Amino acid sequence: SNYVCLYRFDGPQQHQLFESKEVGKDFAKIERWSKITATGDLSELEGLAEDSNVLQQVTSTTESCLGNACEFYEKCFVVKARREAMIADVVVVNHHIFFADLSLKEESLGKLLPDVETVIFDEAHQLYDAASSFLSQRFSSRQLFLLVKDVQTEYVMLGSDHPDILRLALSLKLE
């Protein structure tokens, strides 16, 4: 989510209503810049607040990226950065990218970075938090609530052949 997503500027995103004038101005600024940037790295764009509400609308995440099914795949800034990293002698990334890559490799889902022999960490005091966010499992009551909701929806859509499933799911619901 550090790179602008070209797909986000095509289609309904162009004509959406923004929550404020500031968000609309930020969107227009990023849209203009996206046509001239060579890298798409949002850290290069001056005058955009790091916490701008528009960022979630102009970037994609692992969950929302269409991958090679995207019509902009060949022009994609993330794909371009990955290709360049794969052939580079030295790659500088933040802790999160390093552990995201490690996580993808462990799950056999691909890789973001080339294989390396040496890794040097700057600000190693942040390693624990970054590693924990990618290499651990979290479970929350909200996730449990959403699971129960999904089970209820599927139960209604698929029929009531297995009433025990609904009963068990409802027994998980927190009061």
N, C-alpha and C. Protein backbone atom coordinates (compact mmCIF):
# COMPACT_ATOMS: atom_id res chain seq x y z
N SER A 1 0.81 -1.21 0.00
CA SER A 1 0.00 0.00 0.00
C SER A 1 0.85 1.27 0.00
N ASN A 2 2.11 1.15 -0.38
CA ASN A 2 2.98 2.33 -0.51
C ASN A 2 3.00 2.87 -1.94
N TYR A 3 2.35 2.16 -2.83
CA TYR A 3 2.34 2.54 -4.24
C TYR A 3 0.93 2.85 -4.69
N VAL A 4 0.84 3.82 -5.59
CA VAL A 4 -0.46 4.16 -6.15
C VAL A 4 -0.92 3.01 -7.05
N CYS A 5 -2.19 2.73 -7.03
CA CYS A 5 -2.78 1.66 -7.83
C CYS A 5 -3.47 2.28 -9.04
N LEU A 6 -2.98 1.96 -10.22
CA LEU A 6 -3.54 2.52 -11.45
C LEU A 6 -4.99 2.09 -11.66
N TYR A 7 -5.31 0.89 -11.22
CA TYR A 7 -6.68 0.38 -11.37
C TYR A 7 -7.68 1.26 -10.61
N ARG A 8 -7.25 1.82 -9.49
CA ARG A 8 -8.14 2.64 -8.67
C ARG A 8 -8.55 3.94 -9.36
N PHE A 9 -7.82 4.35 -10.39
CA PHE A 9 -8.16 5.58 -11.10
C PHE A 9 -9.03 5.33 -12.32
N ASP A 10 -9.33 4.08 -12.60
CA ASP A 10 -10.12 3.75 -13.77
C ASP A 10 -11.51 3.34 -13.29
N GLY A 11 -12.56 3.80 -13.95
CA GLY A 11 -13.90 3.38 -13.60
C GLY A 11 -14.54 4.23 -12.53
N PRO A 12 -15.31 3.61 -11.63
CA PRO A 12 -16.14 4.36 -10.69
C PRO A 12 -15.35 5.23 -9.71
N GLN A 13 -14.10 4.91 -9.45
CA GLN A 13 -13.31 5.73 -8.52
C GLN A 13 -13.21 7.16 -9.02
N GLN A 14 -13.15 7.35 -10.34
CA GLN A 14 -13.00 8.68 -10.90
C GLN A 14 -14.18 9.59 -10.57
N HIS A 15 -15.34 9.02 -10.41
CA HIS A 15 -16.54 9.82 -10.26
C HIS A 15 -17.17 9.71 -8.88
N GLN A 16 -16.42 9.23 -7.93
CA GLN A 16 -16.99 9.03 -6.61
C GLN A 16 -17.12 10.34 -5.83
N LEU A 17 -17.97 10.30 -4.85
CA LEU A 17 -18.13 11.43 -3.95
C LEU A 17 -17.14 11.26 -2.81
N PHE A 18 -16.46 12.33 -2.46
CA PHE A 18 -15.47 12.26 -1.40
C PHE A 18 -16.06 12.82 -0.12
N GLU A 19 -15.54 12.34 0.99
CA GLU A 19 -16.08 12.75 2.30
C GLU A 19 -15.79 14.20 2.64
N SER A 20 -14.81 14.79 1.97
CA SER A 20 -14.50 16.21 2.21
C SER A 20 -13.79 16.78 0.99
N LYS A 21 -13.73 18.10 0.93
CA LYS A 21 -13.01 18.76 -0.17
C LYS A 21 -11.54 18.39 -0.14
N GLU A 22 -10.99 18.27 1.06
CA GLU A 22 -9.58 17.94 1.22
C GLU A 22 -9.25 16.58 0.61
N VAL A 23 -10.11 15.59 0.84
CA VAL A 23 -9.90 14.26 0.27
C VAL A 23 -10.00 14.32 -1.25
N GLY A 24 -10.97 15.08 -1.76
CA GLY A 24 -11.10 15.24 -3.21
C GLY A 24 -9.88 15.91 -3.83
N LYS A 25 -9.34 16.91 -3.15
CA LYS A 25 -8.13 17.59 -3.63
C LYS A 25 -6.93 16.63 -3.61
N ASP A 26 -6.82 15.85 -2.54
CA ASP A 26 -5.73 14.88 -2.47
C ASP A 26 -5.84 13.85 -3.58
N PHE A 27 -7.06 13.40 -3.86
CA PHE A 27 -7.28 12.43 -4.94
C PHE A 27 -6.83 13.02 -6.27
N ALA A 28 -7.23 14.25 -6.55
CA ALA A 28 -6.87 14.91 -7.81
C ALA A 28 -5.35 15.08 -7.91
N LYS A 29 -4.72 15.43 -6.80
CA LYS A 29 -3.27 15.60 -6.77
C LYS A 29 -2.57 14.28 -7.11
N ILE A 30 -3.02 13.20 -6.51
CA ILE A 30 -2.42 11.88 -6.76
C ILE A 30 -2.70 11.44 -8.18
N GLU A 31 -3.88 11.72 -8.67
CA GLU A 31 -4.22 11.32 -10.04
C GLU A 31 -3.31 12.01 -11.05
N ARG A 32 -3.09 13.31 -10.89
CA ARG A 32 -2.18 14.04 -11.79
C ARG A 32 -0.77 13.47 -11.70
N TRP A 33 -0.30 13.27 -10.48
CA TRP A 33 1.05 12.77 -10.24
C TRP A 33 1.22 11.35 -10.78
N SER A 34 0.17 10.52 -10.70
CA SER A 34 0.26 9.13 -11.15
C SER A 34 0.55 9.03 -12.65
N LYS A 35 0.23 10.08 -13.40
CA LYS A 35 0.46 10.07 -14.84
C LYS A 35 1.90 10.43 -15.21
N ILE A 36 2.67 11.00 -14.26
CA ILE A 36 4.04 11.41 -14.56
C ILE A 36 5.10 10.69 -13.74
N THR A 37 4.70 10.00 -12.69
CA THR A 37 5.69 9.33 -11.85
C THR A 37 6.26 8.10 -12.54
N ALA A 38 7.53 7.87 -12.32
CA ALA A 38 8.17 6.67 -12.87
C ALA A 38 8.04 5.49 -11.92
N THR A 39 7.89 5.77 -10.62
CA THR A 39 7.89 4.69 -9.62
C THR A 39 6.54 4.42 -8.99
N GLY A 40 5.69 5.44 -8.88
CA GLY A 40 4.41 5.28 -8.20
C GLY A 40 4.52 5.22 -6.69
N ASP A 41 5.72 5.43 -6.16
CA ASP A 41 5.97 5.38 -4.72
C ASP A 41 5.42 6.65 -4.10
N LEU A 42 4.39 6.52 -3.27
CA LEU A 42 3.71 7.68 -2.70
C LEU A 42 4.60 8.52 -1.79
N SER A 43 5.70 7.97 -1.33
CA SER A 43 6.60 8.76 -0.49
C SER A 43 7.26 9.88 -1.30
N GLU A 44 7.24 9.77 -2.62
CA GLU A 44 7.80 10.81 -3.48
C GLU A 44 6.87 12.00 -3.66
N LEU A 45 5.60 11.82 -3.38
CA LEU A 45 4.62 12.88 -3.61
C LEU A 45 4.64 13.87 -2.46
N GLU A 46 5.03 15.08 -2.77
CA GLU A 46 5.11 16.12 -1.74
C GLU A 46 3.73 16.72 -1.47
N GLY A 47 3.51 17.11 -0.24
CA GLY A 47 2.28 17.80 0.11
C GLY A 47 1.10 16.88 0.40
N LEU A 48 1.36 15.60 0.57
CA LEU A 48 0.29 14.66 0.90
C LEU A 48 0.55 14.13 2.30
N ALA A 49 -0.42 14.32 3.18
CA ALA A 49 -0.26 13.85 4.56
C ALA A 49 -0.21 12.32 4.61
N GLU A 50 0.65 11.78 5.45
CA GLU A 50 0.80 10.33 5.58
C GLU A 50 -0.49 9.65 6.03
N ASP A 51 -1.35 10.41 6.71
CA ASP A 51 -2.59 9.84 7.21
C ASP A 51 -3.82 10.31 6.42
N SER A 52 -3.59 10.77 5.19
CA SER A 52 -4.70 11.25 4.36
C SER A 52 -5.72 10.13 4.17
N ASN A 53 -6.98 10.46 4.29
CA ASN A 53 -8.06 9.48 4.12
C ASN A 53 -8.16 8.96 2.69
N VAL A 54 -7.53 9.63 1.75
CA VAL A 54 -7.61 9.19 0.36
C VAL A 54 -6.71 7.98 0.09
N LEU A 55 -5.73 7.73 0.93
CA LEU A 55 -4.76 6.67 0.66
C LEU A 55 -5.40 5.30 0.51
N GLN A 56 -6.40 5.00 1.30
CA GLN A 56 -7.05 3.69 1.17
C GLN A 56 -7.82 3.57 -0.14
N GLN A 57 -8.10 4.68 -0.79
CA GLN A 57 -8.83 4.66 -2.06
C GLN A 57 -7.90 4.61 -3.27
N VAL A 58 -6.63 4.90 -3.09
CA VAL A 58 -5.72 4.97 -4.23
C VAL A 58 -4.61 3.92 -4.17
N THR A 59 -4.62 3.09 -3.15
CA THR A 59 -3.64 2.03 -3.04
C THR A 59 -4.38 0.70 -2.93
N SER A 60 -3.67 -0.37 -3.15
CA SER A 60 -4.27 -1.68 -2.95
C SER A 60 -3.42 -2.45 -1.95
N THR A 61 -4.00 -3.49 -1.42
CA THR A 61 -3.31 -4.34 -0.47
C THR A 61 -3.24 -5.75 -1.05
N THR A 62 -2.59 -6.64 -0.37
CA THR A 62 -2.52 -8.02 -0.81
C THR A 62 -3.92 -8.58 -1.01
N GLU A 63 -4.85 -8.20 -0.14
CA GLU A 63 -6.21 -8.72 -0.22
C GLU A 63 -7.00 -8.13 -1.38
N SER A 64 -6.74 -6.87 -1.74
CA SER A 64 -7.55 -6.22 -2.76
C SER A 64 -6.92 -6.18 -4.15
N CYS A 65 -5.65 -6.52 -4.25
CA CYS A 65 -4.96 -6.49 -5.54
C CYS A 65 -5.48 -7.61 -6.44
N LEU A 66 -5.71 -7.29 -7.70
CA LEU A 66 -6.21 -8.26 -8.67
C LEU A 66 -5.10 -9.11 -9.28
N GLY A 67 -3.85 -8.75 -9.00
CA GLY A 67 -2.72 -9.50 -9.52
C GLY A 67 -2.69 -9.47 -11.04
N ASN A 68 -2.30 -10.61 -11.65
CA ASN A 68 -2.17 -10.62 -13.10
C ASN A 68 -3.52 -10.59 -13.83
N ALA A 69 -4.62 -10.59 -13.10
CA ALA A 69 -5.95 -10.42 -13.72
C ALA A 69 -6.27 -8.94 -13.96
N CYS A 70 -5.46 -8.07 -13.41
CA CYS A 70 -5.69 -6.63 -13.55
C CYS A 70 -5.29 -6.17 -14.94
N GLU A 71 -6.11 -5.30 -15.51
CA GLU A 71 -5.80 -4.78 -16.85
C GLU A 71 -4.57 -3.88 -16.85
N PHE A 72 -4.14 -3.42 -15.69
CA PHE A 72 -2.97 -2.56 -15.59
C PHE A 72 -1.74 -3.31 -15.08
N TYR A 73 -1.79 -4.63 -15.07
CA TYR A 73 -0.73 -5.44 -14.49
C TYR A 73 0.65 -5.11 -15.07
N GLU A 74 0.75 -4.99 -16.37
CA GLU A 74 2.05 -4.72 -17.00
C GLU A 74 2.58 -3.33 -16.67
N LYS A 75 1.70 -2.38 -16.35
CA LYS A 75 2.11 -1.02 -16.01
C LYS A 75 2.21 -0.82 -14.49
N CYS A 76 1.79 -1.82 -13.72
CA CYS A 76 1.68 -1.71 -12.26
C CYS A 76 3.01 -1.33 -11.62
N PHE A 77 2.96 -0.33 -10.75
CA PHE A 77 4.16 0.14 -10.07
C PHE A 77 4.73 -0.91 -9.12
N VAL A 78 3.88 -1.66 -8.45
CA VAL A 78 4.35 -2.70 -7.53
C VAL A 78 5.03 -3.82 -8.32
N VAL A 79 4.44 -4.23 -9.41
CA VAL A 79 5.04 -5.28 -10.24
C VAL A 79 6.39 -4.81 -10.76
N LYS A 80 6.46 -3.57 -11.20
CA LYS A 80 7.72 -3.01 -11.70
C LYS A 80 8.79 -3.02 -10.60
N ALA A 81 8.42 -2.59 -9.41
CA ALA A 81 9.38 -2.57 -8.29
C ALA A 81 9.85 -3.97 -7.95
N ARG A 82 8.95 -4.94 -7.99
CA ARG A 82 9.32 -6.33 -7.70
C ARG A 82 10.29 -6.86 -8.74
N ARG A 83 10.01 -6.58 -10.01
CA ARG A 83 10.90 -7.03 -11.09
C ARG A 83 12.30 -6.45 -10.92
N GLU A 84 12.37 -5.17 -10.60
CA GLU A 84 13.66 -4.52 -10.40
C GLU A 84 14.39 -5.10 -9.19
N ALA A 85 13.66 -5.40 -8.15
CA ALA A 85 14.27 -5.98 -6.95
C ALA A 85 14.85 -7.37 -7.23
N MET A 86 14.19 -8.12 -8.09
CA MET A 86 14.63 -9.49 -8.38
C MET A 86 15.98 -9.54 -9.09
N ILE A 87 16.34 -8.48 -9.79
CA ILE A 87 17.61 -8.50 -10.51
C ILE A 87 18.67 -7.61 -9.86
N ALA A 88 18.34 -6.94 -8.78
CA ALA A 88 19.27 -6.02 -8.15
C ALA A 88 20.31 -6.75 -7.30
N ASP A 89 21.46 -6.13 -7.15
CA ASP A 89 22.51 -6.66 -6.29
C ASP A 89 22.25 -6.30 -4.83
N VAL A 90 21.66 -5.13 -4.60
CA VAL A 90 21.34 -4.67 -3.25
C VAL A 90 19.90 -4.17 -3.26
N VAL A 91 19.12 -4.63 -2.30
CA VAL A 91 17.73 -4.21 -2.17
C VAL A 91 17.54 -3.65 -0.77
N VAL A 92 16.98 -2.46 -0.68
CA VAL A 92 16.70 -1.83 0.60
C VAL A 92 15.19 -1.81 0.79
N VAL A 93 14.70 -2.45 1.84
CA VAL A 93 13.27 -2.49 2.12
C VAL A 93 13.06 -2.24 3.60
N ASN A 94 11.82 -1.94 3.96
CA ASN A 94 11.52 -1.78 5.38
C ASN A 94 11.22 -3.15 6.01
N HIS A 95 11.10 -3.15 7.32
CA HIS A 95 10.87 -4.40 8.05
C HIS A 95 9.61 -5.12 7.57
N HIS A 96 8.57 -4.36 7.29
CA HIS A 96 7.29 -4.96 6.91
C HIS A 96 7.39 -5.71 5.58
N ILE A 97 8.08 -5.12 4.61
CA ILE A 97 8.25 -5.79 3.32
C ILE A 97 9.07 -7.06 3.50
N PHE A 98 10.12 -7.00 4.32
CA PHE A 98 10.95 -8.18 4.55
C PHE A 98 10.11 -9.33 5.11
N PHE A 99 9.31 -9.05 6.14
CA PHE A 99 8.53 -10.12 6.77
C PHE A 99 7.31 -10.53 5.93
N ALA A 100 6.77 -9.61 5.15
CA ALA A 100 5.70 -9.99 4.23
C ALA A 100 6.24 -10.99 3.21
N ASP A 101 7.44 -10.74 2.71
CA ASP A 101 8.08 -11.66 1.77
C ASP A 101 8.34 -13.01 2.43
N LEU A 102 8.86 -13.00 3.62
CA LEU A 102 9.13 -14.24 4.35
C LEU A 102 7.85 -15.04 4.56
N SER A 103 6.79 -14.36 4.92
CA SER A 103 5.49 -15.00 5.13
C SER A 103 4.96 -15.63 3.85
N LEU A 104 5.05 -14.90 2.73
CA LEU A 104 4.59 -15.43 1.44
C LEU A 104 5.40 -16.68 1.04
N LYS A 105 6.71 -16.62 1.26
CA LYS A 105 7.56 -17.76 0.92
C LYS A 105 7.20 -18.99 1.76
N GLU A 106 6.95 -18.77 3.05
CA GLU A 106 6.61 -19.89 3.94
C GLU A 106 5.30 -20.55 3.54
N GLU A 107 4.37 -19.76 3.02
CA GLU A 107 3.07 -20.29 2.63
C GLU A 107 3.05 -20.72 1.16
N SER A 108 4.20 -20.68 0.51
CA SER A 108 4.34 -21.05 -0.91
C SER A 108 3.41 -20.25 -1.80
N LEU A 109 3.24 -18.98 -1.49
CA LEU A 109 2.37 -18.10 -2.27
C LEU A 109 3.14 -17.18 -3.20
N GLY A 110 4.44 -17.37 -3.30
CA GLY A 110 5.26 -16.51 -4.14
C GLY A 110 6.28 -15.78 -3.30
N LYS A 111 6.82 -14.72 -3.89
CA LYS A 111 7.79 -13.93 -3.15
C LYS A 111 7.83 -12.51 -3.68
N LEU A 112 8.20 -11.61 -2.80
CA LEU A 112 8.32 -10.21 -3.16
C LEU A 112 9.76 -9.84 -3.48
N LEU A 113 10.69 -10.53 -2.82
CA LEU A 113 12.11 -10.19 -2.90
C LEU A 113 12.93 -11.38 -3.37
N PRO A 114 14.10 -11.11 -3.92
CA PRO A 114 14.96 -12.22 -4.34
C PRO A 114 15.55 -12.93 -3.12
N ASP A 115 16.02 -14.15 -3.34
CA ASP A 115 16.72 -14.86 -2.28
C ASP A 115 18.03 -14.14 -2.00
N VAL A 116 18.42 -14.10 -0.73
CA VAL A 116 19.62 -13.37 -0.34
C VAL A 116 20.47 -14.21 0.59
N GLU A 117 21.73 -13.84 0.68
CA GLU A 117 22.66 -14.48 1.60
C GLU A 117 22.84 -13.65 2.86
N THR A 118 22.68 -12.35 2.75
CA THR A 118 22.93 -11.45 3.87
C THR A 118 21.79 -10.46 4.02
N VAL A 119 21.39 -10.22 5.26
CA VAL A 119 20.35 -9.23 5.57
C VAL A 119 20.90 -8.32 6.66
N ILE A 120 20.75 -7.04 6.49
CA ILE A 120 21.17 -6.07 7.49
C ILE A 120 19.92 -5.30 7.90
N PHE A 121 19.65 -5.26 9.20
CA PHE A 121 18.48 -4.54 9.70
C PHE A 121 18.90 -3.24 10.36
N ASP A 122 18.28 -2.17 9.94
CA ASP A 122 18.41 -0.88 10.61
C ASP A 122 17.26 -0.79 11.60
N GLU A 123 17.47 -0.13 12.70
CA GLU A 123 16.44 0.02 13.73
C GLU A 123 15.87 -1.34 14.14
N ALA A 124 16.76 -2.22 14.53
CA ALA A 124 16.38 -3.59 14.87
C ALA A 124 15.41 -3.67 16.04
N HIS A 125 15.28 -2.62 16.81
CA HIS A 125 14.33 -2.64 17.92
C HIS A 125 12.88 -2.77 17.41
N GLN A 126 12.65 -2.53 16.13
CA GLN A 126 11.31 -2.66 15.55
C GLN A 126 11.05 -4.05 14.97
N LEU A 127 12.05 -4.91 14.98
CA LEU A 127 11.92 -6.23 14.37
C LEU A 127 10.83 -7.07 15.02
N TYR A 128 10.76 -7.07 16.33
CA TYR A 128 9.79 -7.92 17.02
C TYR A 128 8.37 -7.59 16.57
N ASP A 129 8.03 -6.31 16.56
CA ASP A 129 6.67 -5.91 16.18
C ASP A 129 6.37 -6.28 14.73
N ALA A 130 7.33 -6.02 13.83
CA ALA A 130 7.11 -6.33 12.42
C ALA A 130 6.99 -7.84 12.21
N ALA A 131 7.87 -8.60 12.84
CA ALA A 131 7.82 -10.06 12.71
C ALA A 131 6.52 -10.61 13.27
N SER A 132 6.10 -10.10 14.42
CA SER A 132 4.86 -10.57 15.04
C SER A 132 3.66 -10.33 14.15
N SER A 133 3.63 -9.20 13.47
CA SER A 133 2.46 -8.89 12.65
C SER A 133 2.34 -9.83 11.45
N PHE A 134 3.45 -10.39 10.98
CA PHE A 134 3.40 -11.28 9.81
C PHE A 134 3.52 -12.76 10.15
N LEU A 135 4.15 -13.09 11.25
CA LEU A 135 4.46 -14.49 11.53
C LEU A 135 3.65 -15.06 12.69
N SER A 136 2.67 -14.33 13.15
CA SER A 136 1.84 -14.84 14.25
C SER A 136 0.38 -14.85 13.81
N GLN A 137 -0.42 -15.50 14.60
CA GLN A 137 -1.86 -15.57 14.34
C GLN A 137 -2.58 -14.74 15.40
N ARG A 138 -3.59 -14.02 14.96
CA ARG A 138 -4.42 -13.25 15.89
C ARG A 138 -5.85 -13.74 15.78
N PHE A 139 -6.54 -13.64 16.86
CA PHE A 139 -7.94 -14.05 16.88
C PHE A 139 -8.69 -13.07 17.77
N SER A 140 -9.75 -12.50 17.24
CA SER A 140 -10.49 -11.51 18.01
C SER A 140 -11.97 -11.88 18.08
N SER A 141 -12.66 -11.26 19.00
CA SER A 141 -14.10 -11.50 19.12
C SER A 141 -14.82 -11.01 17.86
N ARG A 142 -14.28 -9.98 17.22
CA ARG A 142 -14.88 -9.49 15.97
C ARG A 142 -14.79 -10.56 14.89
N GLN A 143 -13.65 -11.24 14.80
CA GLN A 143 -13.51 -12.31 13.82
C GLN A 143 -14.52 -13.42 14.11
N LEU A 144 -14.72 -13.72 15.37
CA LEU A 144 -15.68 -14.75 15.75
C LEU A 144 -17.09 -14.32 15.36
N PHE A 145 -17.42 -13.07 15.60
CA PHE A 145 -18.72 -12.53 15.23
C PHE A 145 -18.94 -12.65 13.72
N LEU A 146 -17.91 -12.27 12.93
CA LEU A 146 -18.03 -12.34 11.48
C LEU A 146 -18.16 -13.79 10.99
N LEU A 147 -17.47 -14.70 11.65
CA LEU A 147 -17.58 -16.11 11.30
C LEU A 147 -19.01 -16.60 11.52
N VAL A 148 -19.59 -16.27 12.65
CA VAL A 148 -20.96 -16.67 12.95
C VAL A 148 -21.92 -16.07 11.92
N LYS A 149 -21.70 -14.83 11.58
CA LYS A 149 -22.54 -14.16 10.58
C LYS A 149 -22.44 -14.86 9.23
N ASP A 150 -21.22 -15.23 8.83
CA ASP A 150 -21.02 -15.95 7.57
C ASP A 150 -21.71 -17.31 7.60
N VAL A 151 -21.62 -18.01 8.71
CA VAL A 151 -22.27 -19.31 8.83
C VAL A 151 -23.78 -19.15 8.70
N GLN A 152 -24.34 -18.14 9.36
CA GLN A 152 -25.77 -17.90 9.27
C GLN A 152 -26.19 -17.62 7.82
N THR A 153 -25.43 -16.80 7.13
CA THR A 153 -25.74 -16.47 5.74
C THR A 153 -25.67 -17.70 4.86
N GLU A 154 -24.61 -18.48 5.00
CA GLU A 154 -24.46 -19.70 4.19
C GLU A 154 -25.57 -20.70 4.51
N TYR A 155 -25.94 -20.79 5.77
CA TYR A 155 -26.99 -21.72 6.19
C TYR A 155 -28.31 -21.39 5.49
N VAL A 156 -28.62 -20.11 5.44
CA VAL A 156 -29.85 -19.67 4.79
C VAL A 156 -29.77 -19.91 3.28
N MET A 157 -28.62 -19.61 2.69
CA MET A 157 -28.46 -19.74 1.24
C MET A 157 -28.41 -21.20 0.78
N LEU A 158 -27.80 -22.07 1.58
CA LEU A 158 -27.61 -23.45 1.16
C LEU A 158 -28.70 -24.39 1.64
N GLY A 159 -29.55 -23.91 2.50
CA GLY A 159 -30.63 -24.76 2.99
C GLY A 159 -30.34 -25.26 4.39
N SER A 160 -31.31 -25.92 4.94
CA SER A 160 -31.22 -26.30 6.35
C SER A 160 -31.00 -27.81 6.52
N ASP A 161 -30.15 -28.39 5.70
CA ASP A 161 -29.88 -29.83 5.81
C ASP A 161 -29.12 -30.20 7.08
N HIS A 162 -28.38 -29.25 7.62
CA HIS A 162 -27.55 -29.54 8.80
C HIS A 162 -27.83 -28.53 9.92
N PRO A 163 -28.93 -28.70 10.64
CA PRO A 163 -29.29 -27.73 11.68
C PRO A 163 -28.25 -27.64 12.80
N ASP A 164 -27.45 -28.68 12.99
CA ASP A 164 -26.43 -28.63 14.04
C ASP A 164 -25.38 -27.56 13.76
N ILE A 165 -25.10 -27.32 12.48
CA ILE A 165 -24.10 -26.30 12.13
C ILE A 165 -24.55 -24.93 12.61
N LEU A 166 -25.80 -24.58 12.36
CA LEU A 166 -26.32 -23.29 12.79
C LEU A 166 -26.35 -23.22 14.32
N ARG A 167 -26.79 -24.27 14.96
CA ARG A 167 -26.86 -24.29 16.42
C ARG A 167 -25.46 -24.10 17.02
N LEU A 168 -24.45 -24.79 16.49
CA LEU A 168 -23.09 -24.66 17.00
C LEU A 168 -22.53 -23.25 16.75
N ALA A 169 -22.80 -22.71 15.57
CA ALA A 169 -22.32 -21.37 15.27
C ALA A 169 -22.95 -20.35 16.21
N LEU A 170 -24.23 -20.47 16.44
CA LEU A 170 -24.90 -19.52 17.34
C LEU A 170 -24.42 -19.66 18.77
N SER A 171 -23.98 -20.85 19.15
CA SER A 171 -23.47 -21.03 20.52
C SER A 171 -22.14 -20.31 20.71
N LEU A 172 -21.45 -19.97 19.61
CA LEU A 172 -20.20 -19.24 19.69
C LEU A 172 -20.40 -17.75 19.88
N LYS A 173 -21.58 -17.26 19.55
CA LYS A 173 -21.85 -15.83 19.59
C LYS A 173 -21.64 -15.30 21.00
N LEU A 174 -20.92 -14.21 21.09
CA LEU A 174 -20.63 -13.58 22.38
C LEU A 174 -21.79 -12.69 22.80
N GLU A 175 -22.06 -12.70 24.03
CA GLU A 175 -23.14 -11.84 24.56
C GLU A 175 -22.61 -10.47 24.86
